Amino acid sequence: MVVLVPPGSLESSLAALDRQLDAALGLAPRALVLDMSAIARMSSTTIAQLLWARRRCSLVGIEVLLLNPTRQCREVLERIDLLRRPQAPRA
């Protein structure tokens, strides 16, 4: 199940994301993919959206995956531990 992370103000974007999450979680997917293609750069609004989605999904055991983050977004997401860097295989 793929959900688009909407741009906009915190109130409007969280409301839009919440509606999408309600529909998606009603289907009981194993994982939820958050499409970040509409997000050009990270903001506190985007971080709040991602934390909200992760919290809602974790309460029902659904994994959250991020799709199409920009390089700048990936760097911020890694710093705040919302996106983990791939680990090198251990020898």
PDB file of N, CA and C in Angstrom:
ATOM      1  N   MET A   1       0.851  -1.165   0.000  1.00  0.00           N
ATOM      2  CA  MET A   1       0.000   0.000   0.000  1.00  0.00           C
ATOM      3  C   MET A   1       0.899   1.230   0.000  1.00  0.00           C
ATOM      4  N   VAL A   2       0.660   2.148  -0.933  1.00  0.00           N
ATOM      5  CA  VAL A   2       1.459   3.365  -1.050  1.00  0.00           C
ATOM      6  C   VAL A   2       0.580   4.569  -0.695  1.00  0.00           C
ATOM      7  N   VAL A   3       1.137   5.435   0.157  1.00  0.00           N
ATOM      8  CA  VAL A   3       0.455   6.652   0.578  1.00  0.00           C
ATOM      9  C   VAL A   3       1.361   7.824   0.249  1.00  0.00           C
ATOM     10  N   LEU A   4       0.809   8.856  -0.379  1.00  0.00           N
ATOM     11  CA  LEU A   4       1.570  10.049  -0.730  1.00  0.00           C
ATOM     12  C   LEU A   4       1.671  10.966   0.480  1.00  0.00           C
ATOM     13  N   VAL A   5       2.891  11.409   0.809  1.00  0.00           N
ATOM     14  CA  VAL A   5       3.090  12.390   1.869  1.00  0.00           C
ATOM     15  C   VAL A   5       2.775  13.751   1.253  1.00  0.00           C
ATOM     16  N   PRO A   6       1.684  14.397   1.704  1.00  0.00           N
ATOM     17  CA  PRO A   6       1.270  15.644   1.065  1.00  0.00           C
ATOM     18  C   PRO A   6       2.054  16.855   1.573  1.00  0.00           C
ATOM     19  N   PRO A   7       2.363  17.806   0.687  1.00  0.00           N
ATOM     20  CA  PRO A   7       2.980  19.054   1.136  1.00  0.00           C
ATOM     21  C   PRO A   7       1.894  19.967   1.704  1.00  0.00           C
ATOM     22  N   GLY A   8       2.302  21.000   2.409  1.00  0.00           N
ATOM     23  CA  GLY A   8       1.337  21.978   2.913  1.00  0.00           C
ATOM     24  C   GLY A   8       1.562  22.296   4.369  1.00  0.00           C
ATOM     25  N   SER A   9       0.612  23.015   4.939  1.00  0.00           N
ATOM     26  CA  SER A   9       0.713  23.388   6.345  1.00  0.00           C
ATOM     27  C   SER A   9       0.517  22.152   7.212  1.00  0.00           C
ATOM     28  N   LEU A  10       0.940  22.238   8.452  1.00  0.00           N
ATOM     29  CA  LEU A  10       0.858  21.082   9.349  1.00  0.00           C
ATOM     30  C   LEU A  10      -0.572  20.592   9.489  1.00  0.00           C
ATOM     31  N   GLU A  11      -1.491  21.492   9.735  1.00  0.00           N
ATOM     32  CA  GLU A  11      -2.876  21.081   9.959  1.00  0.00           C
ATOM     33  C   GLU A  11      -3.482  20.416   8.727  1.00  0.00           C
ATOM     34  N   SER A  12      -3.330  21.043   7.576  1.00  0.00           N
ATOM     35  CA  SER A  12      -3.946  20.481   6.365  1.00  0.00           C
ATOM     36  C   SER A  12      -3.241  19.207   5.913  1.00  0.00           C
ATOM     37  N   SER A  13      -1.906  19.189   6.011  1.00  0.00           N
ATOM     38  CA  SER A  13      -1.194  18.001   5.538  1.00  0.00           C
ATOM     39  C   SER A  13      -1.399  16.814   6.470  1.00  0.00           C
ATOM     40  N   LEU A  14      -1.466  17.047   7.788  1.00  0.00           N
ATOM     41  CA  LEU A  14      -1.739  15.934   8.703  1.00  0.00           C
ATOM     42  C   LEU A  14      -3.152  15.403   8.506  1.00  0.00           C
ATOM     43  N   ALA A  15      -4.100  16.290   8.249  1.00  0.00           N
ATOM     44  CA  ALA A  15      -5.470  15.844   7.992  1.00  0.00           C
ATOM     45  C   ALA A  15      -5.528  14.986   6.727  1.00  0.00           C
ATOM     46  N   ALA A  16      -4.849  15.432   5.678  1.00  0.00           N
ATOM     47  CA  ALA A  16      -4.821  14.663   4.424  1.00  0.00           C
ATOM     48  C   ALA A  16      -4.132  13.318   4.618  1.00  0.00           C
ATOM     49  N   LEU A  17      -3.011  13.334   5.329  1.00  0.00           N
ATOM     50  CA  LEU A  17      -2.285  12.083   5.584  1.00  0.00           C
ATOM     51  C   LEU A  17      -3.125  11.150   6.443  1.00  0.00           C
ATOM     52  N   ASP A  18      -3.806  11.686   7.439  1.00  0.00           N
ATOM     53  CA  ASP A  18      -4.638  10.871   8.314  1.00  0.00           C
ATOM     54  C   ASP A  18      -5.748  10.171   7.535  1.00  0.00           C
ATOM     55  N   ARG A  19      -6.368  10.881   6.602  1.00  0.00           N
ATOM     56  CA  ARG A  19      -7.417  10.261   5.767  1.00  0.00           C
ATOM     57  C   ARG A  19      -6.833   9.109   4.948  1.00  0.00           C
ATOM     58  N   GLN A  20      -5.655   9.334   4.375  1.00  0.00           N
ATOM     59  CA  GLN A  20      -5.009   8.275   3.586  1.00  0.00           C
ATOM     60  C   GLN A  20      -4.629   7.085   4.468  1.00  0.00           C
ATOM     61  N   LEU A  21      -4.134   7.379   5.670  1.00  0.00           N
ATOM     62  CA  LEU A  21      -3.761   6.301   6.597  1.00  0.00           C
ATOM     63  C   LEU A  21      -4.980   5.500   7.015  1.00  0.00           C
ATOM     64  N   ASP A  22      -6.102   6.175   7.292  1.00  0.00           N
ATOM     65  CA  ASP A  22      -7.328   5.456   7.653  1.00  0.00           C
ATOM     66  C   ASP A  22      -7.707   4.454   6.572  1.00  0.00           C
ATOM     67  N   ALA A  23      -7.677   4.902   5.329  1.00  0.00           N
ATOM     68  CA  ALA A  23      -8.036   4.018   4.210  1.00  0.00           C
ATOM     69  C   ALA A  23      -7.039   2.876   4.071  1.00  0.00           C
ATOM     70  N   ALA A  24      -5.754   3.196   4.161  1.00  0.00           N
ATOM     71  CA  ALA A  24      -4.718   2.181   3.975  1.00  0.00           C
ATOM     72  C   ALA A  24      -4.716   1.163   5.116  1.00  0.00           C
ATOM     73  N   LEU A  25      -4.804   1.645   6.340  1.00  0.00           N
ATOM     74  CA  LEU A  25      -4.744   0.734   7.478  1.00  0.00           C
ATOM     75  C   LEU A  25      -5.977  -0.141   7.565  1.00  0.00           C
ATOM     76  N   GLY A  26      -7.076   0.320   6.988  1.00  0.00           N
ATOM     77  CA  GLY A  26      -8.281  -0.498   6.936  1.00  0.00           C
ATOM     78  C   GLY A  26      -8.104  -1.751   6.089  1.00  0.00           C
ATOM     79  N   LEU A  27      -7.132  -1.729   5.202  1.00  0.00           N
ATOM     80  CA  LEU A  27      -6.838  -2.892   4.350  1.00  0.00           C
ATOM     81  C   LEU A  27      -5.855  -3.853   5.013  1.00  0.00           C
ATOM     82  N   ALA A  28      -5.348  -3.492   6.192  1.00  0.00           N
ATOM     83  CA  ALA A  28      -4.408  -4.312   6.968  1.00  0.00           C
ATOM     84  C   ALA A  28      -3.190  -4.773   6.151  1.00  0.00           C
ATOM     85  N   PRO A  29      -2.454  -3.840   5.563  1.00  0.00           N
ATOM     86  CA  PRO A  29      -1.265  -4.249   4.800  1.00  0.00           C
ATOM     87  C   PRO A  29      -0.148  -4.690   5.743  1.00  0.00           C
ATOM     88  N   ARG A  30       0.810  -5.430   5.227  1.00  0.00           N
ATOM     89  CA  ARG A  30       1.977  -5.815   6.015  1.00  0.00           C
ATOM     90  C   ARG A  30       2.947  -4.650   6.151  1.00  0.00           C
ATOM     91  N   ALA A  31       2.966  -3.792   5.128  1.00  0.00           N
ATOM     92  CA  ALA A  31       3.848  -2.624   5.133  1.00  0.00           C
ATOM     93  C   ALA A  31       3.124  -1.476   4.455  1.00  0.00           C
ATOM     94  N   LEU A  32       3.512  -0.278   4.842  1.00  0.00           N
ATOM     95  CA  LEU A  32       2.971   0.929   4.249  1.00  0.00           C
ATOM     96  C   LEU A  32       4.132   1.710   3.660  1.00  0.00           C
ATOM     97  N   VAL A  33       4.018   2.071   2.390  1.00  0.00           N
ATOM     98  CA  VAL A  33       5.064   2.825   1.712  1.00  0.00           C
ATOM     99  C   VAL A  33       4.616   4.275   1.649  1.00  0.00           C
ATOM    100  N   LEU A  34       5.430   5.168   2.221  1.00  0.00           N
ATOM    101  CA  LEU A  34       5.144   6.596   2.174  1.00  0.00           C
ATOM    102  C   LEU A  34       5.926   7.196   1.013  1.00  0.00           C
ATOM    103  N   ASP A  35       5.210   7.670   0.014  1.00  0.00           N
ATOM    104  CA  ASP A  35       5.825   8.253  -1.168  1.00  0.00           C
ATOM    105  C   ASP A  35       6.143   9.716  -0.886  1.00  0.00           C
ATOM    106  N   MET A  36       7.419  10.055  -0.903  1.00  0.00           N
ATOM    107  CA  MET A  36       7.874  11.403  -0.580  1.00  0.00           C
ATOM    108  C   MET A  36       8.180  12.224  -1.824  1.00  0.00           C
ATOM    109  N   SER A  37       7.703  11.800  -2.973  1.00  0.00           N
ATOM    110  CA  SER A  37       8.037  12.490  -4.219  1.00  0.00           C
ATOM    111  C   SER A  37       7.520  13.929  -4.268  1.00  0.00           C
ATOM    112  N   ALA A  38       6.504  14.275  -3.493  1.00  0.00           N
ATOM    113  CA  ALA A  38       5.982  15.642  -3.481  1.00  0.00           C
ATOM    114  C   ALA A  38       6.735  16.545  -2.506  1.00  0.00           C
ATOM    115  N   ILE A  39       7.688  15.981  -1.776  1.00  0.00           N
ATOM    116  CA  ILE A  39       8.438  16.730  -0.758  1.00  0.00           C
ATOM    117  C   ILE A  39       9.823  17.051  -1.304  1.00  0.00           C
ATOM    118  N   ALA A  40      10.073  18.338  -1.555  1.00  0.00           N
ATOM    119  CA  ALA A  40      11.370  18.760  -2.105  1.00  0.00           C
ATOM    120  C   ALA A  40      12.437  18.890  -1.018  1.00  0.00           C
ATOM    121  N   ARG A  41      12.022  19.342   0.158  1.00  0.00           N
ATOM    122  CA  ARG A  41      12.974  19.476   1.265  1.00  0.00           C
ATOM    123  C   ARG A  41      12.258  19.193   2.571  1.00  0.00           C
ATOM    124  N   MET A  42      13.033  18.785   3.555  1.00  0.00           N
ATOM    125  CA  MET A  42      12.473  18.432   4.852  1.00  0.00           C
ATOM    126  C   MET A  42      12.092  19.693   5.625  1.00  0.00           C
ATOM    127  N   SER A  43      10.985  19.601   6.327  1.00  0.00           N
ATOM    128  CA  SER A  43      10.542  20.673   7.203  1.00  0.00           C
ATOM    129  C   SER A  43      10.020  20.021   8.484  1.00  0.00           C
ATOM    130  N   SER A  44       9.755  20.831   9.470  1.00  0.00           N
ATOM    131  CA  SER A  44       9.190  20.273  10.707  1.00  0.00           C
ATOM    132  C   SER A  44       7.830  19.639  10.432  1.00  0.00           C
ATOM    133  N   THR A  45       7.092  20.166   9.458  1.00  0.00           N
ATOM    134  CA  THR A  45       5.806  19.588   9.077  1.00  0.00           C
ATOM    135  C   THR A  45       5.993  18.179   8.525  1.00  0.00           C
ATOM    136  N   THR A  46       6.962  18.006   7.636  1.00  0.00           N
ATOM    137  CA  THR A  46       7.218  16.686   7.055  1.00  0.00           C
ATOM    138  C   THR A  46       7.657  15.703   8.134  1.00  0.00           C
ATOM    139  N   ILE A  47       8.520  16.144   9.026  1.00  0.00           N
ATOM    140  CA  ILE A  47       8.969  15.266  10.116  1.00  0.00           C
ATOM    141  C   ILE A  47       7.782  14.860  10.981  1.00  0.00           C
ATOM    142  N   ALA A  48       6.908  15.811  11.306  1.00  0.00           N
ATOM    143  CA  ALA A  48       5.724  15.494  12.103  1.00  0.00           C
ATOM    144  C   ALA A  48       4.834  14.471  11.383  1.00  0.00           C
ATOM    145  N   GLN A  49       4.675  14.633  10.072  1.00  0.00           N
ATOM    146  CA  GLN A  49       3.877  13.680   9.293  1.00  0.00           C
ATOM    147  C   GLN A  49       4.474  12.275   9.377  1.00  0.00           C
ATOM    148  N   LEU A  50       5.774  12.188   9.178  1.00  0.00           N
ATOM    149  CA  LEU A  50       6.431  10.879   9.177  1.00  0.00           C
ATOM    150  C   LEU A  50       6.364  10.226  10.551  1.00  0.00           C
ATOM    151  N   LEU A  51       6.570  11.000  11.601  1.00  0.00           N
ATOM    152  CA  LEU A  51       6.473  10.455  12.961  1.00  0.00           C
ATOM    153  C   LEU A  51       5.052   9.993  13.256  1.00  0.00           C
ATOM    154  N   TRP A  52       4.065  10.784  12.822  1.00  0.00           N
ATOM    155  CA  TRP A  52       2.669  10.414  13.037  1.00  0.00           C
ATOM    156  C   TRP A  52       2.328   9.108  12.308  1.00  0.00           C
ATOM    157  N   ALA A  53       2.745   9.014  11.060  1.00  0.00           N
ATOM    158  CA  ALA A  53       2.468   7.796  10.286  1.00  0.00           C
ATOM    159  C   ALA A  53       3.166   6.593  10.912  1.00  0.00           C
ATOM    160  N   ARG A  54       4.421   6.766  11.302  1.00  0.00           N
ATOM    161  CA  ARG A  54       5.152   5.651  11.913  1.00  0.00           C
ATOM    162  C   ARG A  54       4.488   5.209  13.208  1.00  0.00           C
ATOM    163  N   ARG A  55       4.033   6.169  14.005  1.00  0.00           N
ATOM    164  CA  ARG A  55       3.380   5.821  15.272  1.00  0.00           C
ATOM    165  C   ARG A  55       2.084   5.065  15.022  1.00  0.00           C
ATOM    166  N   ARG A  56       1.244   5.577  14.129  1.00  0.00           N
ATOM    167  CA  ARG A  56      -0.026   4.899  13.836  1.00  0.00           C
ATOM    168  C   ARG A  56       0.205   3.484  13.323  1.00  0.00           C
ATOM    169  N   CYS A  57       1.184   3.325  12.459  1.00  0.00           N
ATOM    170  CA  CYS A  57       1.459   2.006  11.891  1.00  0.00           C
ATOM    171  C   CYS A  57       2.056   1.059  12.928  1.00  0.00           C
ATOM    172  N   SER A  58       2.949   1.576  13.757  1.00  0.00           N
ATOM    173  CA  SER A  58       3.591   0.700  14.749  1.00  0.00           C
ATOM    174  C   SER A  58       2.579   0.170  15.767  1.00  0.00           C
ATOM    175  N   LEU A  59       1.531   0.928  16.028  1.00  0.00           N
ATOM    176  CA  LEU A  59       0.503   0.474  16.973  1.00  0.00           C
ATOM    177  C   LEU A  59      -0.226  -0.775  16.484  1.00  0.00           C
ATOM    178  N   VAL A  60      -0.240  -0.985  15.178  1.00  0.00           N
ATOM    179  CA  VAL A  60      -0.912  -2.161  14.618  1.00  0.00           C
ATOM    180  C   VAL A  60       0.072  -3.107  13.915  1.00  0.00           C
ATOM    181  N   GLY A  61       1.366  -2.896  14.155  1.00  0.00           N
ATOM    182  CA  GLY A  61       2.384  -3.816  13.647  1.00  0.00           C
ATOM    183  C   GLY A  61       2.665  -3.725  12.165  1.00  0.00           C
ATOM    184  N   ILE A  62       2.504  -2.546  11.580  1.00  0.00           N
ATOM    185  CA  ILE A  62       2.749  -2.375  10.149  1.00  0.00           C
ATOM    186  C   ILE A  62       4.065  -1.635   9.956  1.00  0.00           C
ATOM    187  N   GLU A  63       4.916  -2.187   9.112  1.00  0.00           N
ATOM    188  CA  GLU A  63       6.206  -1.576   8.801  1.00  0.00           C
ATOM    189  C   GLU A  63       6.012  -0.369   7.890  1.00  0.00           C
ATOM    190  N   VAL A  64       6.804   0.683   8.118  1.00  0.00           N
ATOM    191  CA  VAL A  64       6.741   1.885   7.286  1.00  0.00           C
ATOM    192  C   VAL A  64       8.014   1.977   6.459  1.00  0.00           C
ATOM    193  N   LEU A  65       7.847   2.140   5.152  1.00  0.00           N
ATOM    194  CA  LEU A  65       8.970   2.296   4.229  1.00  0.00           C
ATOM    195  C   LEU A  65       8.829   3.640   3.521  1.00  0.00           C
ATOM    196  N   LEU A  66       9.952   4.265   3.193  1.00  0.00           N
ATOM    197  CA  LEU A  66       9.930   5.557   2.516  1.00  0.00           C
ATOM    198  C   LEU A  66      10.367   5.392   1.064  1.00  0.00           C
ATOM    199  N   LEU A  67       9.636   6.027   0.161  1.00  0.00           N
ATOM    200  CA  LEU A  67       9.890   5.938  -1.270  1.00  0.00           C
ATOM    201  C   LEU A  67      10.177   7.331  -1.813  1.00  0.00           C
ATOM    202  N   ASN A  68      11.180   7.444  -2.650  1.00  0.00           N
ATOM    203  CA  ASN A  68      11.525   8.670  -3.377  1.00  0.00           C
ATOM    204  C   ASN A  68      11.933   9.878  -2.536  1.00  0.00           C
ATOM    205  N   PRO A  69      12.638   9.697  -1.415  1.00  0.00           N
ATOM    206  CA  PRO A  69      13.112  10.912  -0.742  1.00  0.00           C
ATOM    207  C   PRO A  69      14.269  11.529  -1.532  1.00  0.00           C
ATOM    208  N   THR A  70      14.334  12.858  -1.563  1.00  0.00           N
ATOM    209  CA  THR A  70      15.460  13.516  -2.219  1.00  0.00           C
ATOM    210  C   THR A  70      16.721  13.267  -1.404  1.00  0.00           C
ATOM    211  N   ARG A  71      17.866  13.590  -1.978  1.00  0.00           N
ATOM    212  CA  ARG A  71      19.131  13.415  -1.259  1.00  0.00           C
ATOM    213  C   ARG A  71      19.132  14.224   0.037  1.00  0.00           C
ATOM    214  N   GLN A  72      18.684  15.478  -0.042  1.00  0.00           N
ATOM    215  CA  GLN A  72      18.627  16.319   1.154  1.00  0.00           C
ATOM    216  C   GLN A  72      17.695  15.704   2.197  1.00  0.00           C
ATOM    217  N   CYS A  73      16.559  15.200   1.757  1.00  0.00           N
ATOM    218  CA  CYS A  73      15.622  14.556   2.684  1.00  0.00           C
ATOM    219  C   CYS A  73      16.248  13.321   3.322  1.00  0.00           C
ATOM    220  N   ARG A  74      16.935  12.489   2.509  1.00  0.00           N
ATOM    221  CA  ARG A  74      17.590  11.294   3.049  1.00  0.00           C
ATOM    222  C   ARG A  74      18.592  11.645   4.134  1.00  0.00           C
ATOM    223  N   GLU A  75      19.389  12.710   3.904  1.00  0.00           N
ATOM    224  CA  GLU A  75      20.381  13.111   4.893  1.00  0.00           C
ATOM    225  C   GLU A  75      19.725  13.503   6.211  1.00  0.00           C
ATOM    226  N   VAL A  76      18.652  14.265   6.144  1.00  0.00           N
ATOM    227  CA  VAL A  76      17.940  14.670   7.366  1.00  0.00           C
ATOM    228  C   VAL A  76      17.307  13.447   8.026  1.00  0.00           C
ATOM    229  N   LEU A  77      16.682  12.603   7.245  1.00  0.00           N
ATOM    230  CA  LEU A  77      16.031  11.414   7.785  1.00  0.00           C
ATOM    231  C   LEU A  77      17.023  10.493   8.491  1.00  0.00           C
ATOM    232  N   GLU A  78      18.216  10.353   7.937  1.00  0.00           N
ATOM    233  CA  GLU A  78      19.241   9.539   8.581  1.00  0.00           C
ATOM    234  C   GLU A  78      19.680  10.157   9.900  1.00  0.00           C
ATOM    235  N   ARG A  79      19.842  11.493   9.912  1.00  0.00           N
ATOM    236  CA  ARG A  79      20.278  12.174  11.138  1.00  0.00           C
ATOM    237  C   ARG A  79      19.278  12.027  12.273  1.00  0.00           C
ATOM    238  N   ILE A  80      17.997  12.006  11.952  1.00  0.00           N
ATOM    239  CA  ILE A  80      16.985  11.901  13.008  1.00  0.00           C
ATOM    240  C   ILE A  80      16.460  10.474  13.168  1.00  0.00           C
ATOM    241  N   ASP A  81      17.130   9.522  12.546  1.00  0.00           N
ATOM    242  CA  ASP A  81      16.846   8.094  12.674  1.00  0.00           C
ATOM    243  C   ASP A  81      15.467   7.682  12.151  1.00  0.00           C
ATOM    244  N   LEU A  82      14.982   8.370  11.136  1.00  0.00           N
ATOM    245  CA  LEU A  82      13.765   7.928  10.458  1.00  0.00           C
ATOM    246  C   LEU A  82      14.089   7.109   9.218  1.00  0.00           C
ATOM    247  N   LEU A  83      15.346   7.116   8.838  1.00  0.00           N
ATOM    248  CA  LEU A  83      15.809   6.325   7.708  1.00  0.00           C
ATOM    249  C   LEU A  83      17.203   5.840   8.066  1.00  0.00           C
ATOM    250  N   ARG A  84      17.382   4.570   8.027  1.00  0.00           N
ATOM    251  CA  ARG A  84      18.679   4.018   8.394  1.00  0.00           C
ATOM    252  C   ARG A  84      19.528   3.803   7.165  1.00  0.00           C
ATOM    253  N   ARG A  85      20.803   4.117   7.299  1.00  0.00           N
ATOM    254  CA  ARG A  85      21.752   3.832   6.204  1.00  0.00           C
ATOM    255  C   ARG A  85      21.921   2.321   6.098  1.00  0.00           C
ATOM    256  N   PRO A  86      22.092   1.837   4.887  1.00  0.00           N
ATOM    257  CA  PRO A  86      22.370   0.400   4.744  1.00  0.00           C
ATOM    258  C   PRO A  86      23.655   0.051   5.468  1.00  0.00           C
ATOM    259  N   GLN A  87      23.616  -1.053   6.175  1.00  0.00           N
ATOM    260  CA  GLN A  87      24.787  -1.499   6.918  1.00  0.00           C
ATOM    261  C   GLN A  87      25.628  -2.409   6.027  1.00  0.00           C
ATOM    262  N   ALA A  88      26.950  -2.271   6.164  1.00  0.00           N
ATOM    263  CA  ALA A  88      27.858  -3.162   5.457  1.00  0.00           C
ATOM    264  C   ALA A  88      27.748  -4.562   6.066  1.00  0.00           C
ATOM    265  N   PRO A  89      27.817  -5.586   5.232  1.00  0.00           N
ATOM    266  CA  PRO A  89      27.754  -6.942   5.782  1.00  0.00           C
ATOM    267  C   PRO A  89      28.936  -7.213   6.688  1.00  0.00           C
ATOM    268  N   ARG A  90      28.671  -7.961   7.743  1.00  0.00           N
ATOM    269  CA  ARG A  90      29.749  -8.309   8.670  1.00  0.00           C
ATOM    270  C   ARG A  90      30.555  -9.459   8.110  1.00  0.00           C
ATOM    271  N   ALA A  91      31.847  -9.420   8.411  1.00  0.00           N
ATOM    272  CA  ALA A  91      32.744 -10.468   7.907  1.00  0.00           C
ATOM    273  C   ALA A  91      32.631 -11.720   8.741  1.00  0.00           C
TER     274      ALA A  91
END
